[in-house]
Amino acid sequence: MKTDVLIFIDKGLSDEDLTFGGSFTPDSLSGKLSSLDAVTDVYFSVPEDYSGALSGRAATVVRSGEDDVDFWKKLLAATSSDHVIKIHGDSPFLDPQIVSEMADIHIKYLAEFTYSENLPEGMTCEIVSRELVDAIPEFNEKTLPLSKVVRSNMNQFDIELYYRDPDVRDKRLSFRASDPRERRVMENIAGSAKGTPAYGQIRELIERNPGVLYIGPSYLEIELTGRCDLDCLFCYRTKLDKKRDDLSAELFGKILSDMKDFALPYTICLGGSGEPLMNPQFYAILEQAEAEPLVRQVIVETNGIQADGNYRNHVAGSAPGKIKTIVNINGHNTQTYSQLHGSDHYDEVVKNITSLKESLSGRGDDALHVQIMKINETEPFLDSYYDYWEKQGVPIILQKQNTYTGLVQDRRYSDLSPLERVPCWHLQRDLFILSDGSVPFCRVDVRESAGRGNVRDLSLREIWEQGKAHFISDYRRSYASCPDCAACDEWYTFNF
């Protein structure tokens, strides 16, 4: 029985992506895995446009598309493999012991497909048998990767699911070095461990030194204005001590420039206490964000009143996937809308959403969402709300109410907080920038009881570093008293 390893190089990866700690990861993996008792040969799969160090090798298989059924049939014919262990080539932390254990289980139980759900990417593999490939019927979606075909038809195949402790899924990590953020975390972990750690050491290393996770903001929520044309029942804006005006395009440009110092991709949300489209420089700001390569996506969180033809035309002409729109609409008719938002713009907002949906046709299901808050006032019509928007083909976000540690009345009819508290995601990954340039302690600290500084005077790097000690203390369950982190229940909510 011939069991081989396939080191798979994803499309678009360069040899720089495949190099970690001075070593070329595909070769390092080949050396580690070829010594396993179960493994006969090691092969590499590269896309047609790859031109790196693996090109021209006898063990390199060039593919024209995805690793679909046709690819696997050709591979098995060329290699005479009975079982193939597929591993991503940008996985320098991969533990050979895990691969060995998965292969033993796969062979012992005569599995057609073996994989793991609790291991993060870069720490696991998929094992495919010849019997599986031969048994795949003709599907319309033949261009899908084989693993997706199998997982969407689980009952048709003999599948083994591998579990391994410790479970680190709560860290939301992927150990793929081609992702800049994951690479930075891996570099920190490797530095702390003084080498590449075994999988079993990862959780302990992080718990001992949580600062390895603190690498730079992945999510900026930027308030473009403190003004709004609604007076929502659950909004904190009217309870603030001071009113905030508009963020300038010049200051926004400084924020983008400061973020380059981190050299990491991130998401921007244009939100805050006010309506972003009321900022007279909104489109100039939006264009700056769109043009920045490090910005993966821009989320515009709007009440939808001004999401008219100008907005539709701009979004429809933007790069696909770059702008995502979330419309906050908490009513299901003019009466409920007025009760929750303070005035009636229901028909106008629904019309704008519908028109925006039409203009974004073909852009994917995540280009536009409606958002409703899960509170006592929306509960009576929540089912009909869902029915209506699902028929319109607009995805729905059910938003948890943020009370800002008691600043606004708690209107929730259920508490979905996990029983066990985990370290705050927002302290680890987010920055909240107000329209006057000030940066509060966190998204909940809208009264700025513990501000970090102002982007007019400090760099974002300086402001970010101020938060590291707070993140580490929170990770170790020592919570800040100002603001009152112990009283907050936003710690488990997650952005990007």
Protein backbone atom coordinates (compact mmCIF):
# COMPACT_ATOMS: atom_id res chain seq x y z
CA MET A 1 0.00 0.00 0.00
CA LYS A 2 1.53 3.28 -1.12
CA THR A 3 0.90 6.37 1.00
CA ASP A 4 2.34 9.62 -0.30
CA VAL A 5 2.49 13.25 0.82
CA LEU A 6 1.34 16.09 -1.43
CA ILE A 7 2.67 19.50 -0.42
CA PHE A 8 0.15 21.86 -1.98
CA ILE A 9 1.12 25.39 -3.03
CA ASP A 10 -1.88 27.71 -3.28
CA LYS A 11 -2.29 30.01 -6.27
CA GLY A 12 -0.65 33.39 -5.83
CA LEU A 13 1.99 32.34 -3.30
CA SER A 14 5.61 33.31 -3.84
CA ASP A 15 8.74 31.68 -2.45
CA GLU A 16 8.85 34.56 0.05
CA ASP A 17 5.46 33.44 1.37
CA LEU A 18 6.83 29.90 1.57
CA THR A 19 9.93 30.87 3.54
CA PHE A 20 9.81 31.09 7.33
CA GLY A 21 12.64 31.57 9.80
CA GLY A 22 15.16 31.40 6.98
CA SER A 23 13.98 27.98 5.77
CA PHE A 24 12.02 27.12 2.64
CA THR A 25 8.93 25.53 4.17
CA PRO A 26 8.10 22.99 1.40
CA ASP A 27 11.60 21.51 1.68
CA SER A 28 11.45 21.55 5.49
CA LEU A 29 8.11 19.74 5.40
CA SER A 30 9.43 17.23 2.88
CA GLY A 31 12.37 16.45 5.13
CA LYS A 32 10.22 16.00 8.21
CA LEU A 33 7.50 13.93 6.57
CA SER A 34 9.55 11.67 4.33
CA SER A 35 11.00 10.05 7.46
CA LEU A 36 7.57 8.92 8.70
CA ASP A 37 7.03 5.16 8.50
CA ALA A 38 3.74 5.54 6.66
CA VAL A 39 5.12 7.78 3.90
CA THR A 40 6.56 6.45 0.62
CA ASP A 41 7.10 9.54 -1.55
CA VAL A 42 6.67 13.31 -1.26
CA TYR A 43 5.27 15.36 -4.17
CA PHE A 44 4.65 19.07 -4.70
CA SER A 45 1.65 20.61 -6.45
CA VAL A 46 2.09 24.09 -7.92
CA PRO A 47 -0.22 26.26 -10.05
CA GLU A 48 0.67 27.03 -13.67
CA ASP A 49 1.83 30.58 -12.90
CA TYR A 50 4.29 29.48 -10.21
CA SER A 51 7.95 30.08 -11.12
CA GLY A 52 9.84 29.51 -7.88
CA ALA A 53 12.27 26.99 -6.45
CA LEU A 54 9.93 24.02 -6.92
CA SER A 55 9.68 24.51 -10.68
CA GLY A 56 11.13 21.76 -12.83
CA ARG A 57 11.63 19.22 -10.07
CA ALA A 58 10.79 15.61 -10.83
CA ALA A 59 8.47 15.50 -7.81
CA THR A 60 6.58 18.66 -8.83
CA VAL A 61 3.13 18.32 -10.39
CA VAL A 62 1.83 21.39 -12.25
CA ARG A 63 -1.95 21.86 -12.08
CA SER A 64 -4.15 23.98 -14.29
CA GLY A 65 -6.92 24.75 -11.80
CA GLU A 66 -8.28 23.78 -8.39
CA ASP A 67 -7.60 20.48 -6.66
CA ASP A 68 -10.88 19.14 -7.99
CA VAL A 69 -11.80 15.55 -8.84
CA ASP A 70 -10.08 15.69 -12.23
CA PHE A 71 -6.87 16.89 -10.59
CA TRP A 72 -6.94 14.04 -8.08
CA LYS A 73 -7.56 11.42 -10.75
CA LYS A 74 -4.61 12.65 -12.76
CA LEU A 75 -2.43 12.80 -9.66
CA LEU A 76 -3.24 9.26 -8.61
CA ALA A 77 -2.62 8.00 -12.11
CA ALA A 78 0.80 9.70 -12.19
CA THR A 79 1.91 8.65 -8.69
CA SER A 80 0.19 5.25 -8.27
CA SER A 81 -0.71 6.39 -4.76
CA ASP A 82 -3.27 4.48 -2.70
CA HIS A 83 -3.54 7.32 -0.16
CA VAL A 84 -2.41 10.94 -0.39
CA ILE A 85 -1.75 13.21 2.60
CA LYS A 86 -2.41 16.79 1.46
CA ILE A 87 -0.55 19.52 3.35
CA HIS A 88 -0.41 23.25 2.65
CA GLY A 89 3.09 24.35 1.71
CA ASP A 90 3.02 27.46 3.91
CA SER A 91 2.67 25.47 7.17
CA PRO A 92 6.03 25.75 8.96
CA PHE A 93 4.49 24.82 12.36
CA LEU A 94 3.03 21.54 11.11
CA ASP A 95 3.73 18.80 13.67
CA PRO A 96 4.78 15.52 11.97
CA GLN A 97 3.37 13.56 14.92
CA ILE A 98 -0.12 14.81 14.04
CA VAL A 99 0.31 13.68 10.44
CA SER A 100 1.56 10.28 11.61
CA GLU A 101 -1.40 9.80 13.98
CA MET A 102 -3.92 10.86 11.32
CA ALA A 103 -2.36 8.47 8.79
CA ASP A 104 -2.50 5.59 11.30
CA ILE A 105 -6.21 6.24 11.96
CA HIS A 106 -6.94 6.58 8.25
CA ILE A 107 -5.31 3.23 7.40
CA LYS A 108 -6.58 1.39 10.50
CA TYR A 109 -10.23 2.24 9.87
CA LEU A 110 -10.07 1.96 6.07
CA ALA A 111 -11.21 5.56 5.70
CA GLU A 112 -11.80 7.25 2.38
CA PHE A 113 -11.22 10.73 3.77
CA THR A 114 -9.67 11.87 7.07
CA TYR A 115 -9.50 15.40 8.42
CA SER A 116 -9.66 17.42 11.64
CA GLU A 117 -12.09 20.14 12.67
CA ASN A 118 -10.50 21.22 15.94
CA LEU A 119 -7.00 21.78 14.61
CA PRO A 120 -6.31 25.17 13.03
CA GLU A 121 -5.12 25.51 9.45
CA GLY A 122 -1.41 24.93 9.14
CA MET A 123 -1.49 22.34 11.92
CA THR A 124 -3.38 19.61 10.14
CA CYS A 125 -3.76 17.72 6.87
CA GLU A 126 -6.37 15.96 4.75
CA ILE A 127 -5.94 12.35 3.70
CA VAL A 128 -7.56 11.15 0.49
CA SER A 129 -7.85 7.52 -0.60
CA ARG A 130 -7.92 6.20 -4.14
CA GLU A 131 -11.27 4.55 -3.36
CA LEU A 132 -12.75 7.96 -2.58
CA VAL A 133 -11.64 9.51 -5.86
CA ASP A 134 -12.87 6.52 -7.84
CA ALA A 135 -16.23 6.64 -6.01
CA ILE A 136 -16.96 10.33 -6.62
CA PRO A 137 -20.03 10.56 -8.86
CA GLU A 138 -20.41 13.20 -11.52
CA PHE A 139 -21.40 16.49 -9.86
CA ASN A 140 -22.32 19.73 -11.54
CA GLU A 141 -19.81 21.50 -9.26
CA LYS A 142 -16.81 19.51 -10.50
CA THR A 143 -14.56 22.57 -10.30
CA LEU A 144 -14.93 22.64 -6.49
CA PRO A 145 -11.97 21.35 -4.46
CA LEU A 146 -12.41 17.68 -3.62
CA SER A 147 -12.61 18.32 0.13
CA LYS A 148 -15.59 20.64 -0.38
CA VAL A 149 -17.37 18.01 -2.45
CA VAL A 150 -16.78 15.42 0.28
CA ARG A 151 -17.87 17.68 3.15
CA SER A 152 -21.05 18.64 1.35
CA ASN A 153 -21.90 14.94 0.89
CA MET A 154 -20.69 13.55 4.22
CA ASN A 155 -23.08 10.60 4.38
CA GLN A 156 -21.85 9.14 1.09
CA PHE A 157 -18.29 8.43 2.21
CA ASP A 158 -16.31 6.67 4.95
CA ILE A 159 -14.88 9.64 6.83
CA GLU A 160 -12.67 9.74 9.93
CA LEU A 161 -12.59 12.87 12.08
CA TYR A 162 -9.37 13.42 14.02
CA TYR A 163 -9.37 15.27 17.36
CA ARG A 164 -6.29 16.47 19.18
CA ASP A 165 -5.80 18.25 22.51
CA PRO A 166 -5.20 20.97 23.41
CA ASP A 167 -7.99 22.69 21.53
CA VAL A 168 -6.86 26.18 20.49
CA ARG A 169 -9.86 27.16 18.37
CA ASP A 170 -10.76 29.83 20.91
CA LYS A 171 -7.62 31.73 19.85
CA ARG A 172 -8.98 32.09 16.28
CA LEU A 173 -5.55 31.43 14.85
CA SER A 174 -4.46 29.97 11.53
CA PHE A 175 -0.86 28.85 11.25
CA ARG A 176 -0.45 29.68 7.56
CA ALA A 177 2.65 31.81 6.99
CA SER A 178 1.32 33.31 3.75
CA ASP A 179 -1.10 35.43 5.80
CA PRO A 180 0.84 38.46 7.11
CA ARG A 181 -1.06 38.61 10.40
CA GLU A 182 -0.70 34.92 11.11
CA ARG A 183 2.98 35.05 10.13
CA ARG A 184 3.61 37.84 12.65
CA VAL A 185 1.99 35.84 15.45
CA MET A 186 3.95 32.74 14.43
CA GLU A 187 7.18 34.71 14.45
CA ASN A 188 6.38 35.90 17.97
CA ILE A 189 5.58 32.37 19.13
CA ALA A 190 8.74 30.97 17.54
CA GLY A 191 10.76 33.72 19.22
CA SER A 192 9.20 32.93 22.58
CA ALA A 193 9.79 29.19 22.12
CA LYS A 194 13.28 29.73 20.66
CA GLY A 195 12.33 27.57 17.72
CA THR A 196 9.34 25.92 16.08
CA PRO A 197 7.15 24.52 18.87
CA ALA A 198 5.25 21.24 18.82
CA TYR A 199 1.50 21.63 18.61
CA GLY A 200 1.04 20.54 22.22
CA GLN A 201 3.09 23.51 23.42
CA ILE A 202 1.15 26.25 21.62
CA ARG A 203 -1.56 26.93 24.20
CA GLU A 204 0.90 26.95 27.09
CA LEU A 205 3.23 29.33 25.22
CA ILE A 206 0.39 31.76 24.57
CA GLU A 207 -0.93 31.59 28.12
CA ARG A 208 2.55 32.25 29.48
CA ASN A 209 3.17 35.16 27.11
CA PRO A 210 -0.11 36.50 25.66
CA GLY A 211 1.75 39.47 24.21
CA VAL A 212 2.67 37.25 21.23
CA LEU A 213 -0.89 37.81 19.99
CA TYR A 214 -0.72 41.61 20.21
CA ILE A 215 0.64 42.54 16.80
CA GLY A 216 -1.44 45.43 15.49
CA PRO A 217 -5.06 46.44 14.91
CA SER A 218 -7.03 44.32 12.47
CA TYR A 219 -10.19 46.43 12.78
CA LEU A 220 -10.50 50.21 12.89
CA GLU A 221 -13.89 51.66 13.68
CA ILE A 222 -13.71 55.29 12.61
CA GLU A 223 -16.42 57.76 13.47
CA LEU A 224 -16.79 60.22 10.61
CA THR A 225 -19.20 62.49 12.45
CA GLY A 226 -21.06 62.84 15.71
CA ARG A 227 -24.14 64.10 13.87
CA CYS A 228 -27.17 62.03 12.94
CA ASP A 229 -30.64 62.68 11.52
CA LEU A 230 -32.26 60.04 13.77
CA ASP A 231 -32.80 59.76 17.52
CA CYS A 232 -32.73 56.02 18.10
CA LEU A 233 -34.09 54.51 21.28
CA PHE A 234 -30.87 52.59 21.99
CA CYS A 235 -28.29 55.19 20.89
CA TYR A 236 -25.76 56.70 23.30
CA ARG A 237 -25.13 59.84 21.23
CA THR A 238 -27.48 62.14 23.13
CA LYS A 239 -26.03 61.00 26.46
CA LEU A 240 -22.50 62.23 25.73
CA ASP A 241 -21.13 65.28 27.51
CA LYS A 242 -19.88 66.90 24.33
CA LYS A 243 -20.91 66.87 20.70
CA ARG A 244 -18.40 65.83 18.07
CA ASP A 245 -18.26 67.33 14.60
CA ASP A 246 -16.81 65.86 11.39
CA LEU A 247 -13.56 64.00 10.79
CA SER A 248 -11.56 65.65 8.01
CA ALA A 249 -10.26 63.80 4.96
CA GLU A 250 -6.79 65.07 5.91
CA LEU A 251 -6.90 63.44 9.35
CA PHE A 252 -8.28 60.25 7.81
CA GLY A 253 -5.29 60.26 5.48
CA LYS A 254 -2.95 60.46 8.48
CA ILE A 255 -4.68 57.43 10.00
CA LEU A 256 -4.10 55.44 6.81
CA SER A 257 -0.49 56.58 6.70
CA ASP A 258 0.08 55.59 10.35
CA MET A 259 -1.38 52.13 9.71
CA LYS A 260 1.35 51.46 7.13
CA ASP A 261 3.81 51.23 10.01
CA PHE A 262 2.20 47.94 11.05
CA ALA A 263 2.46 46.53 7.50
CA LEU A 264 -0.57 44.32 8.20
CA PRO A 265 -3.94 44.03 6.42
CA TYR A 266 -6.96 45.41 8.25
CA THR A 267 -10.65 46.27 7.98
CA ILE A 268 -12.15 49.74 8.37
CA CYS A 269 -15.68 50.32 9.64
CA LEU A 270 -17.12 53.77 9.09
CA GLY A 271 -19.52 53.94 12.02
CA GLY A 272 -19.51 55.43 15.50
CA SER A 273 -22.23 57.55 17.05
CA GLY A 274 -23.17 59.50 13.93
CA GLU A 275 -24.30 58.84 10.38
CA PRO A 276 -21.15 58.59 8.21
CA LEU A 277 -22.83 59.80 5.02
CA MET A 278 -23.55 63.14 6.73
CA ASN A 279 -19.85 63.97 6.65
CA PRO A 280 -19.46 66.36 3.66
CA GLN A 281 -16.13 64.67 2.77
CA PHE A 282 -17.57 61.15 2.97
CA TYR A 283 -16.78 60.17 -0.63
CA ALA A 284 -13.27 61.65 -0.51
CA ILE A 285 -12.65 59.60 2.65
CA LEU A 286 -14.16 56.47 1.14
CA GLU A 287 -11.96 56.79 -1.96
CA GLN A 288 -8.85 57.07 0.23
CA ALA A 289 -9.77 53.87 2.04
CA GLU A 290 -10.50 52.05 -1.22
CA ALA A 291 -7.12 53.02 -2.65
CA GLU A 292 -5.11 51.76 0.33
CA PRO A 293 -3.75 48.24 -0.44
CA LEU A 294 -3.59 47.22 3.23
CA VAL A 295 -7.33 47.84 3.66
CA ARG A 296 -8.99 44.50 2.98
CA GLN A 297 -12.51 45.91 3.13
CA VAL A 298 -14.45 49.01 4.12
CA ILE A 299 -17.68 48.51 6.04
CA VAL A 300 -20.10 51.41 5.83
CA GLU A 301 -22.59 51.21 8.70
CA THR A 302 -25.42 53.56 7.82
CA ASN A 303 -29.04 54.29 8.66
CA GLY A 304 -29.70 54.18 4.91
CA ILE A 305 -31.43 57.53 4.60
CA GLN A 306 -28.69 59.02 2.42
CA ALA A 307 -27.72 55.73 0.73
CA ASP A 308 -29.32 57.09 -2.43
CA GLY A 309 -28.29 57.17 -6.08
CA ASN A 310 -24.92 58.81 -5.38
CA TYR A 311 -24.01 56.11 -2.90
CA ARG A 312 -25.30 53.31 -5.13
CA ASN A 313 -23.31 54.55 -8.11
CA HIS A 314 -20.14 54.83 -6.09
CA VAL A 315 -20.41 51.39 -4.50
CA ALA A 316 -21.41 49.75 -7.80
CA GLY A 317 -18.30 51.23 -9.43
CA SER A 318 -15.91 50.11 -6.69
CA ALA A 319 -13.68 47.03 -6.76
CA PRO A 320 -15.73 43.89 -5.98
CA GLY A 321 -15.51 42.92 -2.32
CA LYS A 322 -13.91 46.17 -1.17
CA ILE A 323 -17.01 47.96 0.19
CA LYS A 324 -19.62 46.27 2.34
CA THR A 325 -22.76 48.09 3.42
CA ILE A 326 -24.70 47.46 6.63
CA VAL A 327 -28.02 49.29 6.89
CA ASN A 328 -29.41 49.63 10.42
CA ILE A 329 -33.16 49.28 10.07
CA ASN A 330 -34.90 48.24 13.27
CA GLY A 331 -38.51 48.58 12.20
CA HIS A 332 -40.79 46.43 10.09
CA ASN A 333 -43.25 49.17 9.13
CA THR A 334 -43.60 52.92 9.54
CA GLN A 335 -45.00 52.58 13.08
CA THR A 336 -42.31 50.32 14.52
CA TYR A 337 -39.57 52.21 12.66
CA SER A 338 -40.70 55.55 14.13
CA GLN A 339 -40.90 54.10 17.64
CA LEU A 340 -37.32 52.85 17.50
CA HIS A 341 -35.63 55.51 15.35
CA GLY A 342 -37.44 58.66 16.49
CA SER A 343 -38.85 59.65 13.08
CA ASP A 344 -40.31 57.97 10.02
CA HIS A 345 -37.99 57.22 7.12
CA TYR A 346 -39.06 53.59 6.72
CA ASP A 347 -40.28 53.65 3.11
CA GLU A 348 -37.31 55.77 2.03
CA VAL A 349 -34.77 53.41 3.63
CA VAL A 350 -36.45 50.27 2.27
CA LYS A 351 -36.42 51.79 -1.21
CA ASN A 352 -32.71 52.63 -0.89
CA ILE A 353 -31.89 49.10 0.30
CA THR A 354 -33.84 47.53 -2.55
CA SER A 355 -32.19 49.75 -5.14
CA LEU A 356 -28.76 49.09 -3.64
CA LYS A 357 -29.42 45.36 -3.77
CA GLU A 358 -30.20 45.60 -7.48
CA SER A 359 -27.10 47.67 -8.22
CA LEU A 360 -24.89 45.15 -6.39
CA SER A 361 -26.25 42.14 -8.25
CA GLY A 362 -23.49 39.62 -8.86
CA ARG A 363 -21.22 41.03 -6.15
CA GLY A 364 -21.79 38.21 -3.67
CA ASP A 365 -24.03 37.71 -0.68
CA ASP A 366 -21.92 39.77 1.72
CA ALA A 367 -21.90 43.11 -0.14
CA LEU A 368 -25.09 44.28 1.58
CA HIS A 369 -26.74 43.45 4.91
CA VAL A 370 -29.59 44.78 6.96
CA GLN A 371 -29.07 44.88 10.71
CA ILE A 372 -31.60 44.68 13.52
CA MET A 373 -30.96 44.84 17.24
CA LYS A 374 -32.14 41.99 19.43
CA ILE A 375 -34.12 43.89 22.08
CA ASN A 376 -37.57 43.77 23.65
CA GLU A 377 -39.00 46.25 21.15
CA THR A 378 -37.97 44.22 18.06
CA GLU A 379 -38.81 40.75 19.38
CA PRO A 380 -42.58 40.87 18.50
CA PHE A 381 -41.93 41.36 14.76
CA LEU A 382 -38.56 39.61 14.38
CA ASP A 383 -39.99 36.61 12.52
CA SER A 384 -41.84 38.72 9.97
CA TYR A 385 -38.76 40.94 9.61
CA TYR A 386 -36.69 37.87 8.73
CA ASP A 387 -39.32 36.61 6.31
CA TYR A 388 -39.46 39.92 4.48
CA TRP A 389 -35.73 40.48 4.01
CA GLU A 390 -34.99 36.86 3.18
CA LYS A 391 -37.51 37.11 0.35
CA GLN A 392 -35.70 40.25 -0.82
CA GLY A 393 -32.44 38.29 -0.86
CA VAL A 394 -30.75 40.58 1.67
CA PRO A 395 -28.79 38.84 4.48
CA ILE A 396 -29.65 39.83 8.05
CA ILE A 397 -27.35 40.62 10.96
CA LEU A 398 -28.91 40.13 14.39
CA GLN A 399 -27.09 42.65 16.54
CA LYS A 400 -26.45 42.29 20.25
CA GLN A 401 -27.26 45.45 22.21
CA ASN A 402 -24.28 47.24 23.70
CA THR A 403 -25.30 49.09 26.85
CA TYR A 404 -21.88 50.74 27.17
CA THR A 405 -21.67 49.53 30.78
CA GLY A 406 -24.96 51.14 31.77
CA LEU A 407 -24.87 54.35 29.75
CA VAL A 408 -28.05 53.32 27.89
CA GLN A 409 -30.98 51.27 29.15
CA ASP A 410 -30.64 47.53 28.87
CA ARG A 411 -33.44 46.37 26.57
CA ARG A 412 -32.25 42.82 25.91
CA TYR A 413 -34.70 39.98 26.39
CA SER A 414 -31.99 37.31 26.59
CA ASP A 415 -28.36 37.10 27.60
CA LEU A 416 -26.20 35.05 25.25
CA SER A 417 -22.90 35.61 27.07
CA PRO A 418 -20.73 32.49 27.35
CA LEU A 419 -20.52 30.96 30.82
CA GLU A 420 -16.76 31.24 30.90
CA ARG A 421 -15.08 34.57 30.19
CA VAL A 422 -12.36 34.68 27.55
CA PRO A 423 -9.84 37.47 26.90
CA CYS A 424 -11.39 40.52 25.25
CA TRP A 425 -11.20 40.36 21.47
CA HIS A 426 -11.51 44.13 21.14
CA LEU A 427 -8.47 44.89 23.28
CA GLN A 428 -6.49 42.41 21.19
CA ARG A 429 -7.53 43.52 17.71
CA ASP A 430 -9.53 46.78 17.57
CA LEU A 431 -9.07 50.54 17.71
CA PHE A 432 -11.99 52.99 17.95
CA ILE A 433 -11.22 56.47 16.61
CA LEU A 434 -13.67 59.29 17.28
CA SER A 435 -14.39 62.07 14.81
CA ASP A 436 -12.27 64.57 16.80
CA GLY A 437 -9.29 62.22 16.49
CA SER A 438 -9.34 60.95 20.06
CA VAL A 439 -8.95 57.24 20.77
CA PRO A 440 -10.81 55.92 23.84
CA PHE A 441 -9.78 52.89 25.85
CA CYS A 442 -12.10 50.71 23.74
CA ARG A 443 -15.35 50.73 21.79
CA VAL A 444 -17.38 50.70 25.01
CA ASP A 445 -15.57 53.71 26.51
CA VAL A 446 -17.57 56.29 24.51
CA ARG A 447 -17.36 58.75 27.41
CA GLU A 448 -13.56 58.63 27.08
CA SER A 449 -13.00 57.86 30.75
CA ALA A 450 -9.59 56.40 29.90
CA GLY A 451 -8.48 57.81 26.57
CA ARG A 452 -5.31 56.61 24.84
CA GLY A 453 -4.55 59.91 23.11
CA ASN A 454 -5.36 61.71 19.88
CA VAL A 455 -4.23 60.77 16.39
CA ARG A 456 -3.55 64.46 15.73
CA ASP A 457 -0.73 64.40 18.26
CA LEU A 458 0.43 60.76 18.42
CA SER A 459 1.10 58.04 15.89
CA LEU A 460 -1.20 55.04 15.86
CA ARG A 461 1.81 52.91 16.79
CA GLU A 462 2.26 54.94 20.00
CA ILE A 463 -1.46 54.74 20.76
CA TRP A 464 -1.57 51.00 20.05
CA GLU A 465 1.41 50.25 22.30
CA GLN A 466 -0.34 52.01 25.17
CA GLY A 467 -2.98 49.28 25.08
CA LYS A 468 -0.64 46.30 25.30
CA ALA A 469 -0.41 46.23 29.10
CA HIS A 470 -4.22 46.44 29.35
CA PHE A 471 -4.60 43.55 26.90
CA ILE A 472 -2.17 41.37 28.85
CA SER A 473 -3.83 42.21 32.19
CA ASP A 474 -7.25 41.39 30.75
CA TYR A 475 -5.89 38.13 29.35
CA ARG A 476 -4.78 37.23 32.88
CA ARG A 477 -8.22 38.15 34.28
CA SER A 478 -7.09 41.36 35.93
CA TYR A 479 -9.67 43.83 34.62
CA ALA A 480 -9.38 47.60 34.32
CA SER A 481 -11.55 49.64 36.66
CA CYS A 482 -11.79 52.70 34.41
CA PRO A 483 -13.67 51.87 32.30
CA ASP A 484 -15.21 49.05 34.30
CA CYS A 485 -14.12 46.06 32.21
CA ALA A 486 -15.51 43.58 34.74
CA ALA A 487 -19.02 44.98 34.13
CA CYS A 488 -18.70 44.80 30.34
CA ASP A 489 -20.19 41.96 28.29
CA GLU A 490 -18.71 42.88 24.91
CA TRP A 491 -15.55 40.83 25.47
CA TYR A 492 -16.80 37.82 23.49
CA THR A 493 -18.07 39.72 20.43
CA PHE A 494 -15.68 39.61 17.48
CA ASN A 495 -15.14 41.76 14.42
CA PHE A 496 -12.15 40.82 12.22
